[in-house]
Protein backbone atom coordinates (compact mmCIF):
# COMPACT_ATOMS: atom_id res chain seq x y z
CA MET A 1 -30.24 192.61 -74.46
CA LYS A 2 -33.85 192.45 -73.30
CA LEU A 3 -36.52 193.05 -75.94
CA PHE A 4 -40.29 192.72 -76.37
CA ARG A 5 -41.65 192.40 -72.88
CA GLY A 6 -44.90 193.58 -74.38
CA ILE A 7 -45.06 195.93 -77.35
CA THR A 8 -45.46 199.38 -75.83
CA SER A 9 -44.82 201.50 -78.90
CA PRO A 10 -44.17 201.14 -82.62
CA TRP A 11 -40.62 202.35 -82.03
CA VAL A 12 -39.87 199.26 -79.92
CA ILE A 13 -40.45 197.17 -83.03
CA ALA A 14 -38.15 199.31 -85.11
CA ILE A 15 -35.29 199.46 -82.63
CA ALA A 16 -35.51 195.76 -81.82
CA ALA A 17 -35.47 194.97 -85.50
CA SER A 18 -32.35 197.08 -85.98
CA ALA A 19 -30.69 195.13 -83.21
CA ALA A 20 -31.63 191.88 -84.88
CA VAL A 21 -30.11 192.82 -88.20
CA MET A 22 -26.77 193.63 -86.58
CA THR A 23 -27.04 190.47 -84.50
CA ALA A 24 -27.44 188.49 -87.68
CA ALA A 25 -24.51 190.20 -89.34
CA THR A 26 -22.15 188.81 -86.72
CA ALA A 27 -23.97 185.64 -85.72
CA CYS A 28 -24.17 184.40 -89.29
CA GLY A 29 -20.39 184.47 -89.51
CA SER A 30 -17.56 186.30 -91.22
CA ASP A 31 -14.22 185.42 -92.69
CA SER A 32 -12.60 188.25 -90.75
CA SER A 33 -13.55 187.19 -87.23
CA ASP A 34 -13.52 184.15 -85.06
CA SER A 35 -16.50 182.74 -83.17
CA ALA A 36 -16.12 185.40 -80.48
CA GLY A 37 -16.23 188.21 -83.01
CA THR A 38 -12.60 189.30 -82.58
CA ALA A 39 -10.71 190.87 -85.46
CA THR A 40 -7.78 189.21 -87.13
CA SER A 41 -4.55 191.10 -86.47
CA ALA A 42 -4.02 191.59 -90.20
CA ALA A 43 -7.30 193.48 -90.51
CA VAL A 44 -6.70 195.93 -87.64
CA PRO A 45 -4.99 199.15 -88.78
CA SER A 46 -1.35 199.29 -87.67
CA ASP A 47 -1.88 202.70 -86.07
CA ALA A 48 -5.11 201.76 -84.28
CA PHE A 49 -3.59 201.84 -80.79
CA PRO A 50 -0.96 204.62 -80.82
CA GLY A 51 -0.94 205.06 -77.05
CA LYS A 52 -1.54 208.82 -77.13
CA ALA A 53 -2.91 209.19 -73.62
CA ALA A 54 -5.12 212.05 -72.51
CA SER A 55 -4.20 214.10 -69.45
CA GLY A 56 -5.45 216.95 -67.34
CA ALA A 57 -8.94 217.78 -66.11
CA PRO A 58 -11.61 215.47 -67.56
CA VAL A 59 -14.15 216.52 -70.16
CA ARG A 60 -17.60 215.55 -68.92
CA ILE A 61 -19.72 214.01 -71.69
CA GLY A 62 -23.28 212.89 -71.01
CA LEU A 63 -24.35 209.41 -72.08
CA ILE A 64 -28.04 208.51 -72.20
CA ASN A 65 -28.81 204.84 -72.79
CA ASN A 66 -32.10 202.95 -72.95
CA GLU A 67 -31.58 200.57 -70.07
CA GLY A 68 -33.65 198.97 -67.35
CA GLY A 69 -37.06 199.46 -68.93
CA GLN A 70 -39.78 196.86 -69.24
CA ALA A 71 -40.07 196.91 -73.03
CA ILE A 72 -36.48 197.33 -74.12
CA SER A 73 -33.13 197.40 -72.35
CA GLN A 74 -29.75 197.49 -74.04
CA PRO A 75 -26.89 197.70 -71.52
CA GLU A 76 -24.47 196.61 -74.23
CA ASN A 77 -24.87 200.05 -75.85
CA ARG A 78 -23.56 201.71 -72.70
CA GLU A 79 -20.79 199.15 -72.27
CA ALA A 80 -19.61 199.79 -75.82
CA ALA A 81 -19.70 203.55 -75.24
CA GLU A 82 -17.67 203.18 -72.06
CA ALA A 83 -15.16 200.95 -73.85
CA THR A 84 -14.83 203.55 -76.59
CA ALA A 85 -14.18 206.32 -74.09
CA LYS A 86 -11.38 204.21 -72.55
CA TYR A 87 -9.95 203.58 -76.01
CA ALA A 88 -10.02 207.29 -76.85
CA ASN A 89 -8.49 208.27 -73.52
CA GLU A 90 -5.59 205.84 -73.86
CA ASN A 91 -4.93 206.20 -77.58
CA LEU A 92 -6.50 209.29 -79.13
CA GLY A 93 -5.89 211.94 -76.49
CA GLY A 94 -9.53 211.97 -75.45
CA ILE A 95 -11.09 215.28 -76.49
CA ALA A 96 -8.70 218.23 -76.89
CA GLY A 97 -6.03 216.19 -75.09
CA ARG A 98 -8.17 215.75 -71.98
CA PRO A 99 -9.72 212.47 -70.78
CA ILE A 100 -13.41 211.82 -71.37
CA GLU A 101 -15.52 211.27 -68.27
CA LEU A 102 -18.91 209.83 -69.15
CA VAL A 103 -21.87 211.01 -67.07
CA VAL A 104 -24.27 208.10 -67.51
CA CYS A 105 -28.04 208.19 -67.23
CA LYS A 106 -30.13 205.09 -67.86
CA GLU A 107 -33.52 206.03 -69.27
CA GLN A 108 -36.21 203.38 -69.34
CA GLU A 109 -38.01 204.37 -72.52
CA ASP A 110 -40.80 206.16 -70.71
CA PRO A 111 -41.42 209.92 -70.80
CA VAL A 112 -40.62 210.51 -67.13
CA SER A 113 -37.20 208.85 -67.15
CA ALA A 114 -36.36 210.38 -70.53
CA ARG A 115 -37.14 213.86 -69.22
CA ASN A 116 -35.22 213.19 -66.02
CA CYS A 117 -32.13 212.07 -67.93
CA ALA A 118 -32.22 215.11 -70.19
CA ASN A 119 -32.59 217.45 -67.20
CA GLN A 120 -29.73 215.66 -65.44
CA MET A 121 -27.43 216.41 -68.36
CA VAL A 122 -28.29 220.10 -68.10
CA GLU A 123 -27.78 220.10 -64.34
CA GLN A 124 -24.44 218.34 -64.66
CA LYS A 125 -23.28 220.97 -67.19
CA VAL A 126 -21.83 218.41 -69.57
CA ALA A 127 -19.97 219.56 -72.69
CA ALA A 128 -22.08 217.35 -74.97
CA VAL A 129 -24.57 214.50 -74.78
CA VAL A 130 -24.30 211.21 -76.66
CA VAL A 131 -27.54 209.22 -76.97
CA THR A 132 -27.14 205.58 -77.97
CA SER A 133 -30.70 204.89 -79.15
CA THR A 134 -34.12 206.00 -78.04
CA GLY A 135 -37.70 206.32 -79.17
CA LEU A 136 -38.09 209.44 -77.03
CA GLY A 137 -35.82 211.84 -78.86
CA ASN A 138 -38.70 214.31 -79.14
CA ILE A 139 -38.51 214.66 -75.35
CA ILE A 140 -34.75 214.45 -74.78
CA ALA A 141 -33.36 216.47 -77.68
CA PRO A 142 -35.30 219.74 -77.07
CA ILE A 143 -34.26 219.86 -73.41
CA VAL A 144 -30.60 219.24 -74.19
CA THR A 145 -30.30 221.49 -77.24
CA SER A 146 -32.30 224.37 -75.74
CA ALA A 147 -29.70 224.45 -72.96
CA GLY A 148 -27.05 225.00 -75.62
CA ILE A 149 -25.59 221.51 -75.25
CA PRO A 150 -24.71 219.51 -78.40
CA TYR A 151 -26.85 216.39 -78.81
CA ALA A 152 -25.09 213.60 -80.74
CA THR A 153 -26.33 210.19 -81.84
CA ALA A 154 -25.57 207.60 -84.49
CA LEU A 155 -29.26 207.01 -85.20
CA ALA A 156 -32.32 209.24 -84.97
CA GLY A 157 -35.94 208.27 -84.52
CA SER A 158 -37.68 211.61 -84.16
CA GLN A 159 -38.11 214.94 -85.90
CA ALA A 160 -36.51 216.80 -83.00
CA GLU A 161 -33.30 214.83 -83.49
CA THR A 162 -33.14 215.34 -87.24
CA SER A 163 -34.12 219.00 -87.43
CA SER A 164 -32.98 220.79 -84.26
CA ASP A 165 -30.19 223.31 -83.94
CA ASN A 166 -27.26 221.77 -82.04
CA ALA A 167 -28.39 218.20 -82.75
CA TYR A 168 -26.07 215.98 -84.80
CA VAL A 169 -26.92 212.58 -86.28
CA TRP A 170 -23.88 210.79 -87.68
CA THR A 171 -25.69 208.42 -90.07
CA ALA A 172 -28.55 208.39 -92.57
CA GLY A 173 -30.30 205.59 -90.69
CA SER A 174 -33.48 207.65 -90.38
CA SER A 175 -33.74 207.78 -94.19
CA THR A 176 -33.47 204.08 -95.06
CA SER A 177 -36.39 204.04 -97.48
CA GLN A 178 -34.85 206.94 -99.43
CA VAL A 179 -31.60 205.02 -99.75
CA MET A 180 -33.55 201.98 -100.90
CA ALA A 181 -35.27 204.06 -103.56
CA ASN A 182 -31.92 205.19 -104.90
CA TYR A 183 -30.60 201.63 -104.82
CA ALA A 184 -33.69 200.38 -106.67
CA LYS A 185 -33.26 203.07 -109.32
CA LYS A 186 -29.62 202.12 -109.86
CA GLU A 187 -30.65 198.48 -110.20
CA GLY A 188 -33.17 199.42 -112.87
CA MET A 189 -36.28 198.47 -110.90
CA LYS A 190 -39.60 199.76 -112.20
CA SER A 191 -41.88 198.70 -109.35
CA VAL A 192 -41.43 197.90 -105.65
CA VAL A 193 -43.90 196.53 -103.11
CA ALA A 194 -43.30 197.03 -99.38
CA TYR A 195 -44.68 194.45 -96.94
CA SER A 196 -44.69 196.27 -93.61
CA ILE A 197 -45.78 195.36 -90.12
CA ASP A 198 -49.06 197.18 -89.54
CA SER A 199 -47.92 199.89 -87.11
CA PRO A 200 -48.13 203.67 -87.52
CA ALA A 201 -44.37 204.08 -87.20
CA ALA A 202 -43.59 201.55 -89.92
CA THR A 203 -46.31 202.14 -92.49
CA GLY A 204 -46.34 205.88 -91.80
CA SER A 205 -42.62 206.19 -92.48
CA LEU A 206 -42.91 204.23 -95.71
CA GLN A 207 -45.83 206.33 -96.90
CA MET A 208 -44.44 209.72 -95.89
CA ILE A 209 -40.75 209.21 -96.71
CA GLY A 210 -40.54 206.13 -98.92
CA ALA A 211 -43.41 206.81 -101.30
CA PRO A 212 -42.18 210.26 -102.42
CA ALA A 213 -38.63 208.93 -102.78
CA PHE A 214 -39.70 206.05 -105.01
CA LYS A 215 -41.97 208.34 -107.03
CA ALA A 216 -39.08 210.75 -107.59
CA ALA A 217 -37.01 207.78 -108.78
CA GLY A 218 -39.71 206.89 -111.31
CA ILE A 219 -40.61 203.65 -109.53
CA ASP A 220 -44.15 202.42 -108.83
CA PHE A 221 -44.47 201.89 -105.08
CA LYS A 222 -47.11 200.22 -102.94
CA VAL A 223 -47.31 199.49 -99.20
CA ILE A 224 -49.15 196.40 -97.98
CA PRO A 225 -49.64 196.17 -94.18
CA ILE A 226 -49.12 192.84 -92.40
CA PRO A 227 -50.74 192.40 -88.95
CA PHE A 228 -48.28 191.95 -86.09
CA GLY A 229 -47.51 188.30 -85.40
CA SER A 230 -49.12 186.99 -88.61
CA PRO A 231 -48.07 183.32 -89.00
CA ASP A 232 -49.21 183.23 -92.64
CA ALA A 233 -48.98 186.30 -94.85
CA THR A 234 -49.66 184.47 -98.11
CA PRO A 235 -52.87 186.38 -99.00
CA GLN A 236 -51.23 189.77 -98.55
CA VAL A 237 -48.01 188.73 -100.27
CA SER A 238 -49.93 187.24 -103.19
CA SER A 239 -51.87 190.47 -103.72
CA GLY A 240 -48.65 192.44 -103.87
CA LEU A 241 -47.11 190.08 -106.41
CA ASP A 242 -50.01 190.63 -108.82
CA ALA A 243 -48.08 193.63 -110.14
CA ASN A 244 -44.99 191.46 -110.74
CA PRO A 245 -42.67 193.86 -108.84
CA ASP A 246 -38.93 193.98 -109.48
CA GLY A 247 -38.25 194.51 -105.80
CA VAL A 248 -39.91 194.00 -102.43
CA ILE A 249 -39.23 195.53 -99.04
CA VAL A 250 -39.92 193.52 -95.89
CA TYR A 251 -40.14 195.43 -92.63
CA GLY A 252 -41.20 194.21 -89.18
CA GLU A 253 -40.48 191.89 -86.29
CA SER A 254 -39.26 188.32 -86.74
CA THR A 255 -42.66 186.62 -87.05
CA VAL A 256 -43.81 188.97 -89.80
CA CYS A 257 -40.44 188.74 -91.54
CA THR A 258 -40.47 184.95 -91.48
CA SER A 259 -44.05 184.76 -92.65
CA VAL A 260 -43.53 187.16 -95.56
CA MET A 261 -40.25 185.55 -96.63
CA LYS A 262 -41.77 182.07 -96.61
CA SER A 263 -44.69 183.29 -98.67
CA LEU A 264 -42.42 184.96 -101.20
CA ALA A 265 -40.51 181.70 -101.63
CA THR A 266 -43.65 179.58 -101.82
CA LEU A 267 -45.20 181.85 -104.43
CA GLY A 268 -42.03 181.73 -106.51
CA SER A 269 -41.21 185.43 -106.40
CA THR A 270 -37.94 186.40 -108.11
CA ALA A 271 -38.04 190.00 -106.91
CA THR A 272 -34.99 191.42 -105.15
CA ILE A 273 -35.73 191.49 -101.42
CA MET A 274 -34.60 194.53 -99.43
CA THR A 275 -34.87 195.07 -95.68
CA PRO A 276 -33.66 197.81 -93.35
CA GLN A 277 -34.20 195.76 -90.25
CA ALA A 278 -34.97 192.35 -88.81
CA CYS A 279 -35.39 190.05 -91.76
CA ALA A 280 -31.82 188.79 -91.63
CA ALA A 281 -32.00 187.80 -87.97
CA GLN A 282 -30.81 184.30 -87.19
CA ASP A 283 -34.26 183.02 -86.22
CA VAL A 284 -35.64 184.31 -89.53
CA VAL A 285 -32.81 182.69 -91.50
CA GLN A 286 -33.44 179.41 -89.70
CA GLY A 287 -37.21 179.68 -90.05
CA VAL A 288 -37.17 180.46 -93.76
CA GLY A 289 -34.06 178.55 -94.77
CA ALA A 290 -30.81 180.21 -95.79
CA GLY A 291 -31.15 179.00 -99.37
CA LYS A 292 -34.38 180.91 -99.79
CA LEU A 293 -32.75 184.16 -98.60
CA GLU A 294 -29.86 184.06 -101.04
CA GLY A 295 -29.25 187.57 -102.39
CA LEU A 296 -31.23 189.34 -99.65
CA LYS A 297 -30.15 192.99 -99.43
CA VAL A 298 -29.81 194.33 -95.89
CA PHE A 299 -29.41 198.08 -95.29
CA SER A 300 -27.54 199.13 -92.15
CA ASN A 301 -25.67 202.02 -90.54
CA ALA A 302 -22.74 199.80 -89.51
CA ASP A 303 -20.49 197.02 -90.77
CA THR A 304 -19.29 194.89 -87.86
CA THR A 305 -18.20 191.73 -89.69
CA SER A 306 -16.00 192.40 -92.69
CA ASP A 307 -12.25 192.82 -93.19
CA ASP A 308 -12.70 196.55 -93.65
CA PRO A 309 -10.29 198.32 -91.26
CA GLU A 310 -13.10 200.21 -89.53
CA SER A 311 -15.01 197.02 -88.91
CA ALA A 312 -11.89 195.31 -87.60
CA LEU A 313 -11.13 198.27 -85.34
CA PHE A 314 -14.58 198.04 -83.74
CA ARG A 315 -14.04 194.39 -82.85
CA ALA A 316 -10.51 195.03 -81.60
CA VAL A 317 -11.59 197.91 -79.34
CA MET A 318 -14.40 195.82 -77.89
CA GLN A 319 -12.11 192.85 -77.36
CA LYS A 320 -9.57 194.99 -75.47
CA TYR A 321 -11.83 197.24 -73.42
CA ALA A 322 -15.10 195.29 -73.08
CA PRO A 323 -14.22 191.61 -73.63
CA ASN A 324 -17.37 190.39 -71.90
CA THR A 325 -19.69 192.49 -74.06
CA SER A 326 -20.80 190.82 -77.24
CA THR A 327 -20.24 192.66 -80.51
CA VAL A 328 -23.37 190.90 -81.70
CA GLY A 329 -26.35 193.21 -81.68
CA TYR A 330 -26.81 196.89 -81.10
CA ALA A 331 -23.63 197.68 -79.14
CA VAL A 332 -22.10 199.32 -82.19
CA THR A 333 -24.42 202.32 -81.75
CA GLY A 334 -22.67 203.20 -78.47
CA TYR A 335 -19.32 202.84 -80.21
CA GLN A 336 -20.38 204.96 -83.18
CA GLY A 337 -21.90 207.63 -80.94
CA VAL A 338 -18.82 208.22 -78.77
CA LEU A 339 -16.08 207.68 -81.35
CA GLY A 340 -18.02 209.80 -83.82
CA LEU A 341 -17.93 212.65 -81.29
CA VAL A 342 -14.21 212.17 -80.67
CA ARG A 343 -13.44 212.24 -84.39
CA ALA A 344 -15.75 215.18 -85.07
CA THR A 345 -13.98 217.25 -82.39
CA ASN A 346 -10.48 216.21 -83.42
CA GLY A 347 -9.55 219.79 -84.29
CA LEU A 348 -10.68 221.21 -80.94
CA THR A 349 -8.03 222.91 -78.81
CA GLY A 350 -8.18 225.09 -75.75
CA GLU A 351 -11.29 225.35 -73.61
CA VAL A 352 -13.82 222.56 -73.91
CA ASN A 353 -17.42 223.61 -73.35
CA PRO A 354 -20.75 223.14 -75.16
CA THR A 355 -20.09 226.08 -77.49
CA SER A 356 -16.59 225.01 -78.50
CA VAL A 357 -17.68 221.38 -78.98
CA GLY A 358 -20.61 222.44 -81.16
CA ASP A 359 -18.39 224.74 -83.21
CA ALA A 360 -15.84 221.96 -83.71
CA ILE A 361 -18.49 219.55 -84.94
CA LYS A 362 -19.86 222.09 -87.41
CA GLN A 363 -16.40 222.85 -88.78
CA ALA A 364 -15.29 219.24 -89.22
CA GLN A 365 -15.34 217.95 -92.78
CA SER A 366 -15.67 214.38 -94.07
CA VAL A 367 -15.29 212.69 -90.69
CA VAL A 368 -14.81 208.94 -91.01
CA LEU A 369 -17.84 207.14 -89.60
CA PRO A 370 -16.76 204.50 -87.07
CA ALA A 371 -17.53 200.99 -88.37
CA GLY A 372 -18.90 202.68 -91.46
CA ASP A 373 -17.21 200.92 -94.38
CA GLY A 374 -15.62 204.15 -95.58
CA ILE A 375 -18.68 206.39 -95.13
CA THR A 376 -17.95 209.92 -93.91
CA PHE A 377 -20.14 212.59 -92.33
CA THR A 378 -20.17 216.38 -92.33
CA CYS A 379 -22.46 218.33 -89.99
CA ASP A 380 -22.99 221.46 -92.04
CA GLY A 381 -26.78 221.16 -92.20
CA ASN A 382 -26.74 220.50 -95.93
CA GLN A 383 -26.35 216.74 -96.20
CA VAL A 384 -30.04 215.74 -96.22
CA PRO A 385 -32.68 218.20 -97.45
CA GLY A 386 -35.27 218.83 -94.76
CA MET A 387 -33.14 217.16 -92.06
CA LYS A 388 -30.51 219.71 -91.14
CA SER A 389 -29.22 217.71 -88.17
CA VAL A 390 -28.43 214.58 -90.21
CA CYS A 391 -24.73 214.56 -91.07
CA GLY A 392 -24.47 211.40 -93.19
CA ASN A 393 -26.03 210.69 -96.57
CA GLU A 394 -25.06 207.07 -97.15
CA LEU A 395 -25.89 203.65 -95.73
CA ILE A 396 -24.27 200.24 -95.98
CA VAL A 397 -25.90 197.42 -97.91
CA LEU A 398 -24.89 193.81 -97.22
CA THR A 399 -25.81 190.73 -99.25
CA MET A 400 -26.91 187.37 -97.86
CA LYS A 401 -24.83 184.53 -99.28
CA ASP A 402 -24.83 181.00 -97.90
CA GLY A 403 -26.55 182.24 -94.77
CA LYS A 404 -23.98 184.99 -94.16
CA LEU A 405 -24.13 188.76 -94.59
CA THR A 406 -21.23 189.64 -96.87
CA GLU A 407 -19.96 192.15 -99.43
CA PRO A 408 -20.65 195.43 -97.64
CA SER A 409 -20.94 198.39 -99.98
CA THR A 410 -22.19 201.93 -99.56
CA VAL A 411 -25.32 203.40 -101.11
CA PRO A 412 -25.99 207.16 -101.18
CA LEU A 413 -29.22 208.72 -100.03
CA SER A 414 -29.83 210.18 -103.46
CA ALA A 415 -28.34 209.95 -106.92
């Protein structure tokens, strides 16, 4: 995974941070996996590999992955998606009993390649498009959906992805601050301070989405920006602690995370620390000291480390079909994207085309989210107010203990 060859957009920070949190979840260790991240046989569901092979003419599914660009490149996302398609073809009957054929386009996180990939999907007349992760959903999604092709992704980073007809987002990952607000309310917090990297994407999201959510929960909320790369955030952190908050949110890249976390420890803060992103990455844990991060709450769209059957299945599928691809990092988004589509279209029979795939997704109820710790999704347009394309309304929260992310549990978007 290649990240940060120059910061070209605020989204690069956000997506890289997401990768880091999932990297930490596996790299920090788990009782249910060995050093290579493989699942113990006891944890894998007994019916995980039923051998129900697909047959007949293939179903062409588009796959757009951010790969080969200068700022960010994640080939592991594609490799996980390809592994998942093989798993589905050999064990789940593919889609409607027919094998999945992935039509891959590598977009380089620039407008030209994003537009080219979207147009290629239309030209190839695919039945649906799975997007692993991108900061250019506002370009890709309108082209795909306006052609009548279902657009599916595990995570969304743009309005076009969360509010377009024929777009489907399996998880609530675009609403992390709302989930945090609900968590804070359940924990009885009265005030929360967010220390955020000073970028429009980060601070803007917290102000536009987080602030109203915390206000609705009856919690005082304040955002304090931290300049990118700040080695010492003590002045900013100290000003936020003047209000003696019950909780703090830390959001940014590893340098900002480390700086803020060190300052919180030095200043003796006892507030509960919450992060949606990078502040559990291994370099942050090492830089701050695991003991000072005890109890850190990390919000994620996937659980890749626990003994939960879905988590174990992810590791087992990767071990069998992509043994050279690490389960550490962001690969799980490719897995969630493809397997989510397979599960959402489980009831599809007969002809497979964009219309029938879209209808099947809309009709599916309580689909089990791959690697989702029991979370389900339903794409009826009613799961998240104002975001009709978002199908999930829960996230996973993990707790840092002894330098490891443990105890995954689910938190709803709203009470």
